[in-house]
Amino acid sequence: MMALRYDFILPSEQTEILLAWLSDLPFYAFEEIETGISAYMEEGGDKADLEERLVQLAETIPFRLTRTTLEEQNWNALWESCFHPVRVGGFCGIRAEFHPPFEDVLHDLIIQPKMAFGTGHHETTFMMVSLMESLAFLGARVLDFGCGTGILGVLAAQRGAAWVDAVDIEAAAVENTLENAQRNGVSGQLAVFQGDLTAAPGSAIYQIILANINRNVILDALPALKQKLDRGGTLLISGILSSDREMVFTATTTHGFQLISQAMRGDWLAARLERA
């Protein structure tokens, strides 16, 4: 599979703001670089529409842009050369197959991202994993909304979830989640569906929903998330800039969610909410 890499060159103080905007566009992965941000898109995507939207975005956040076509093996080699194991305290270690196992964590996760996003390096994923430590997954039905590599769904299964449904709009994420579930021995506890939130089983009610996506998707999905979440159930959200905190919490309160706890890392926010 071919891929396109877009390199956005801009001042470092504006990279987090740009990343929030880019998360609404059809990129499957992001990488922080010395001069700004690299974003990756599958070759078969609608390049013309994307680049028209980038022209409009440049009017709001000025940046310089270059585009490079990559072979899939070049992407994998780049990832392997840059990916270092991630530790979330004594709770969870996240590594690739070519790294030695963690010996002093509760959960040793093996994640091979390929063409999907979510390794634990980004602040949003790190905080989601950290917040999951205090949740009671044993026997719960869990939804991983916007699963990416499946890292959160896999961890939920390892924590004793009775069943995990994972959804993502990208075919590469669906394939990668299935592979990572198998790598971590939880393929019998997890199903993956391609599409938006409506792709999840319509009759399913969840005790825990994990949503590490972006502000706009989460806000738009709040009514549906409430319908899918058991009363008293937990919603974990991230992918939100801390500057949007008031807007997000006003919306979640309006839709019947109570804030239980929150975390911030860098410019990013994660929160644990409960359905009233």
Protein backbone atom coordinates (compact mmCIF):
# COMPACT_ATOMS: atom_id res chain seq x y z
CA MET A 1 0.00 0.00 0.00
CA MET A 2 1.29 3.42 -0.95
CA ALA A 3 1.02 6.34 1.44
CA LEU A 4 1.28 10.11 1.23
CA ARG A 5 3.18 12.10 3.85
CA TYR A 6 2.31 15.76 4.32
CA ASP A 7 4.94 17.76 6.21
CA PHE A 8 3.51 20.88 7.86
CA ILE A 9 6.21 23.41 8.69
CA LEU A 10 5.22 25.98 11.31
CA PRO A 11 6.32 27.44 14.69
CA SER A 12 6.37 24.92 17.55
CA GLU A 13 3.86 26.90 19.62
CA GLN A 14 1.23 26.35 16.94
CA THR A 15 1.69 22.60 16.35
CA GLU A 16 -0.85 21.43 18.95
CA ILE A 17 -3.52 23.74 17.54
CA LEU A 18 -2.83 22.54 14.00
CA LEU A 19 -2.93 18.91 15.13
CA ALA A 20 -6.41 19.43 16.56
CA TRP A 21 -7.59 20.74 13.18
CA LEU A 22 -5.85 17.98 11.24
CA SER A 23 -7.49 15.27 13.36
CA ASP A 24 -10.77 16.04 11.58
CA LEU A 25 -9.19 15.27 8.19
CA PRO A 26 -8.63 11.81 6.64
CA PHE A 27 -5.14 11.23 7.99
CA TYR A 28 -4.44 7.90 9.70
CA ALA A 29 -1.30 8.87 11.65
CA PHE A 30 0.69 11.86 12.84
CA GLU A 31 4.32 12.34 13.81
CA GLU A 32 5.96 15.29 15.50
CA ILE A 33 9.05 16.44 13.61
CA GLU A 34 11.62 19.13 14.34
CA THR A 35 9.99 21.63 11.99
CA GLY A 36 6.32 20.84 12.77
CA ILE A 37 4.07 17.85 12.04
CA SER A 38 4.01 15.00 9.53
CA ALA A 39 0.60 13.57 8.65
CA TYR A 40 -0.01 10.35 6.72
CA MET A 41 -2.80 9.49 4.28
CA GLU A 42 -3.48 6.37 2.22
CA GLU A 43 -2.73 6.82 -1.48
CA GLY A 44 -6.28 5.83 -2.43
CA GLY A 45 -7.90 8.67 -0.48
CA ASP A 46 -9.49 11.76 -1.98
CA LYS A 47 -6.30 13.81 -2.32
CA ALA A 48 -7.92 16.67 -4.24
CA ASP A 49 -10.59 17.25 -1.59
CA LEU A 50 -8.03 17.01 1.21
CA GLU A 51 -5.68 19.52 -0.37
CA GLU A 52 -8.51 21.97 -1.03
CA ARG A 53 -9.35 21.82 2.67
CA LEU A 54 -5.69 22.33 3.57
CA VAL A 55 -5.61 25.50 1.47
CA GLN A 56 -8.58 26.78 3.48
CA LEU A 57 -6.93 25.74 6.76
CA ALA A 58 -3.74 27.64 5.87
CA GLU A 59 -5.80 30.85 5.94
CA THR A 60 -6.45 30.21 9.65
CA ILE A 61 -3.11 28.70 10.69
CA PRO A 62 -0.29 29.70 8.32
CA PHE A 63 2.08 26.86 7.46
CA ARG A 64 4.35 25.66 4.66
CA LEU A 65 3.53 22.25 3.21
CA THR A 66 5.39 19.55 1.30
CA ARG A 67 4.02 16.20 0.06
CA THR A 68 5.97 12.95 -0.36
CA THR A 69 4.83 9.56 -1.71
CA LEU A 70 6.00 6.64 0.44
CA GLU A 71 6.16 2.90 -0.06
CA GLU A 72 4.56 0.94 2.78
CA GLN A 73 7.86 -0.70 3.69
CA ASN A 74 9.43 2.75 4.05
CA TRP A 75 6.71 3.71 6.55
CA ASN A 76 7.25 0.53 8.56
CA ALA A 77 11.04 1.03 8.57
CA LEU A 78 10.59 4.63 9.71
CA TRP A 79 8.24 3.57 12.49
CA GLU A 80 10.54 0.79 13.70
CA SER A 81 13.50 3.17 13.79
CA CYS A 82 11.57 5.75 15.84
CA PHE A 83 9.38 3.61 18.11
CA HIS A 84 10.63 3.21 21.65
CA PRO A 85 8.84 1.27 24.42
CA VAL A 86 6.39 3.29 26.49
CA ARG A 87 5.80 2.78 30.21
CA VAL A 88 2.71 4.02 32.04
CA GLY A 89 3.96 3.65 35.61
CA GLY A 90 3.85 0.11 36.91
CA PHE A 91 0.50 -0.42 35.23
CA CYS A 92 1.27 -0.91 31.55
CA GLY A 93 4.17 -1.25 29.15
CA ILE A 94 3.69 -0.78 25.40
CA ARG A 95 6.27 -2.19 23.01
CA ALA A 96 6.82 -3.75 19.61
CA GLU A 97 7.58 -7.41 18.99
CA PHE A 98 11.27 -6.64 18.50
CA HIS A 99 11.55 -5.10 22.02
CA PRO A 100 12.26 -7.28 25.09
CA PRO A 101 9.24 -7.82 27.38
CA PHE A 102 8.54 -5.54 30.32
CA GLU A 103 9.12 -7.54 33.49
CA ASP A 104 7.69 -5.21 36.14
CA VAL A 105 4.31 -4.03 34.79
CA LEU A 106 0.83 -5.50 35.17
CA HIS A 107 0.19 -5.44 31.42
CA ASP A 108 2.82 -5.93 28.74
CA LEU A 109 1.21 -4.91 25.43
CA ILE A 110 2.66 -5.70 22.01
CA ILE A 111 1.50 -3.16 19.41
CA GLN A 112 2.52 -3.17 15.74
CA PRO A 113 0.83 -0.05 14.28
CA LYS A 114 1.42 -0.61 10.54
CA MET A 115 -0.94 1.88 8.85
CA ALA A 116 -3.03 2.73 11.94
CA PHE A 117 -2.60 5.25 14.74
CA GLY A 118 -2.13 4.71 18.48
CA THR A 119 1.05 3.47 20.16
CA GLY A 120 0.86 5.17 23.55
CA HIS A 121 3.43 7.81 22.64
CA HIS A 122 0.95 10.61 22.12
CA GLU A 123 -0.30 12.38 25.24
CA THR A 124 -3.93 11.43 24.53
CA THR A 125 -3.32 7.68 24.36
CA PHE A 126 -0.96 7.80 27.34
CA MET A 127 -3.63 9.49 29.48
CA MET A 128 -6.35 7.07 28.37
CA VAL A 129 -4.20 4.12 29.40
CA SER A 130 -3.41 5.79 32.72
CA LEU A 131 -7.09 6.47 33.47
CA MET A 132 -7.98 2.85 32.64
CA GLU A 133 -5.96 1.63 35.63
CA SER A 134 -8.68 2.67 38.09
CA LEU A 135 -11.65 1.25 36.14
CA ALA A 136 -13.38 -2.03 36.97
CA PHE A 137 -13.32 -3.90 33.66
CA LEU A 138 -13.99 -7.39 35.05
CA GLY A 139 -17.12 -8.75 33.35
CA ALA A 140 -17.90 -5.46 31.58
CA ARG A 141 -18.92 -4.99 27.96
CA VAL A 142 -16.67 -2.31 26.46
CA LEU A 143 -16.75 -0.16 23.32
CA ASP A 144 -13.49 1.18 21.84
CA PHE A 145 -14.75 4.04 19.65
CA GLY A 146 -12.09 5.04 17.09
CA CYS A 147 -9.87 2.09 17.92
CA GLY A 148 -6.82 2.84 15.71
CA THR A 149 -4.33 0.09 16.58
CA GLY A 150 -6.78 -1.39 19.10
CA ILE A 151 -4.48 -0.63 22.01
CA LEU A 152 -7.26 0.46 24.38
CA GLY A 153 -9.60 -2.39 23.47
CA VAL A 154 -6.79 -4.93 23.87
CA LEU A 155 -5.94 -3.50 27.29
CA ALA A 156 -9.61 -3.62 28.31
CA ALA A 157 -9.75 -7.30 27.37
CA GLN A 158 -6.60 -8.00 29.35
CA ARG A 159 -8.20 -6.20 32.31
CA GLY A 160 -10.99 -8.79 32.28
CA ALA A 161 -13.69 -7.27 30.07
CA ALA A 162 -16.29 -9.87 29.14
CA TRP A 163 -16.41 -8.52 25.58
CA VAL A 164 -14.98 -5.61 23.59
CA ASP A 165 -16.51 -4.10 20.45
CA ALA A 166 -14.11 -1.85 18.52
CA VAL A 167 -15.04 0.50 15.66
CA ASP A 168 -13.02 2.66 13.29
CA ILE A 169 -13.72 4.29 9.94
CA GLU A 170 -10.38 3.11 8.48
CA ALA A 171 -9.99 -0.39 7.01
CA ALA A 172 -6.32 -0.39 8.07
CA ALA A 173 -7.32 0.20 11.69
CA VAL A 174 -9.78 -2.70 11.61
CA GLU A 175 -7.13 -5.05 10.24
CA ASN A 176 -4.48 -3.80 12.65
CA THR A 177 -6.76 -4.11 15.69
CA LEU A 178 -7.51 -7.74 14.83
CA GLU A 179 -3.79 -8.45 14.45
CA ASN A 180 -2.89 -6.76 17.74
CA ALA A 181 -5.68 -8.59 19.56
CA GLN A 182 -4.19 -11.85 18.34
CA ARG A 183 -0.67 -10.79 19.31
CA ASN A 184 -1.85 -10.13 22.86
CA GLY A 185 -3.98 -13.26 23.23
CA VAL A 186 -7.39 -11.58 23.40
CA SER A 187 -8.82 -12.21 19.93
CA GLY A 188 -11.56 -14.35 21.47
CA GLN A 189 -12.82 -11.38 23.50
CA LEU A 190 -12.89 -8.69 20.82
CA ALA A 191 -14.79 -7.90 17.60
CA VAL A 192 -14.00 -5.05 15.20
CA PHE A 193 -16.39 -3.15 12.91
CA GLN A 194 -15.55 -0.66 10.16
CA GLY A 195 -17.51 2.58 10.15
CA ASP A 196 -18.64 5.32 12.49
CA LEU A 197 -20.48 4.77 15.77
CA THR A 198 -23.47 3.28 13.95
CA ALA A 199 -21.29 0.32 12.96
CA ALA A 200 -21.31 -0.96 16.54
CA PRO A 201 -23.99 -3.59 17.27
CA GLY A 202 -27.24 -1.66 17.53
CA SER A 203 -28.64 -3.52 20.53
CA ALA A 204 -25.44 -3.48 22.58
CA ILE A 205 -25.31 -1.57 25.86
CA TYR A 206 -21.88 -0.94 27.32
CA GLN A 207 -20.63 -0.42 30.85
CA ILE A 208 -17.47 1.34 29.62
CA ILE A 209 -16.88 3.36 26.44
CA LEU A 210 -13.39 4.49 25.42
CA ALA A 211 -13.29 7.40 22.96
CA ASN A 212 -9.83 8.69 22.07
CA ILE A 213 -10.66 10.57 18.86
CA ASN A 214 -11.05 14.35 18.64
CA ARG A 215 -13.24 17.10 20.00
CA ASN A 216 -15.69 17.41 17.12
CA VAL A 217 -16.36 13.69 16.72
CA ILE A 218 -16.88 13.28 20.46
CA LEU A 219 -19.22 16.27 20.74
CA ASP A 220 -21.29 15.12 17.75
CA ALA A 221 -21.52 11.59 19.15
CA LEU A 222 -22.56 12.48 22.73
CA PRO A 223 -26.29 11.71 22.25
CA ALA A 224 -25.52 8.32 20.69
CA LEU A 225 -22.85 7.55 23.28
CA LYS A 226 -25.36 8.20 26.04
CA GLN A 227 -27.82 5.79 24.44
CA LYS A 228 -25.17 3.09 24.18
CA LEU A 229 -23.86 3.54 27.74
CA ASP A 230 -25.46 1.81 30.70
CA ARG A 231 -26.82 4.07 33.44
CA GLY A 232 -23.94 4.69 35.83
CA GLY A 233 -21.49 3.58 33.13
CA THR A 234 -18.13 5.20 32.41
CA LEU A 235 -17.12 7.23 29.36
CA LEU A 236 -13.41 7.99 28.93
CA ILE A 237 -12.64 10.72 26.39
CA SER A 238 -9.47 12.27 25.02
CA GLY A 239 -8.13 13.85 21.84
CA ILE A 240 -9.19 17.24 23.20
CA LEU A 241 -7.07 20.34 23.59
CA SER A 242 -7.06 21.70 27.13
CA SER A 243 -8.13 25.08 25.72
CA ASP A 244 -11.45 23.43 24.75
CA ARG A 245 -12.07 22.18 28.29
CA GLU A 246 -14.99 24.49 29.11
CA MET A 247 -16.74 23.85 25.79
CA VAL A 248 -16.44 20.07 26.13
CA PHE A 249 -17.53 19.85 29.76
CA THR A 250 -20.51 22.15 29.13
CA ALA A 251 -21.61 19.80 26.34
CA THR A 252 -21.09 16.61 28.34
CA THR A 253 -23.07 18.04 31.28
CA THR A 254 -25.88 19.08 28.93
CA HIS A 255 -26.07 15.52 27.58
CA GLY A 256 -26.29 13.93 31.02
CA PHE A 257 -22.68 13.06 31.86
CA GLN A 258 -21.05 13.86 35.19
CA LEU A 259 -17.33 14.66 35.38
CA ILE A 260 -15.53 12.25 37.72
CA SER A 261 -11.88 13.07 37.05
CA GLN A 262 -9.63 14.63 34.45
CA ALA A 263 -5.99 14.61 33.42
CA MET A 264 -3.80 16.94 31.38
CA ARG A 265 -0.55 16.17 29.63
CA GLY A 266 1.09 18.83 27.52
CA ASP A 267 -1.71 20.74 25.80
CA TRP A 268 -4.10 17.78 25.86
CA LEU A 269 -7.01 16.81 28.09
CA ALA A 270 -8.56 13.46 29.03
CA ALA A 271 -11.56 12.93 31.27
CA ARG A 272 -13.53 10.24 33.04
CA LEU A 273 -17.27 10.82 32.87
CA GLU A 274 -20.24 8.91 34.24
CA ARG A 275 -23.71 8.66 32.76
CA ALA A 276 -26.27 9.95 35.25
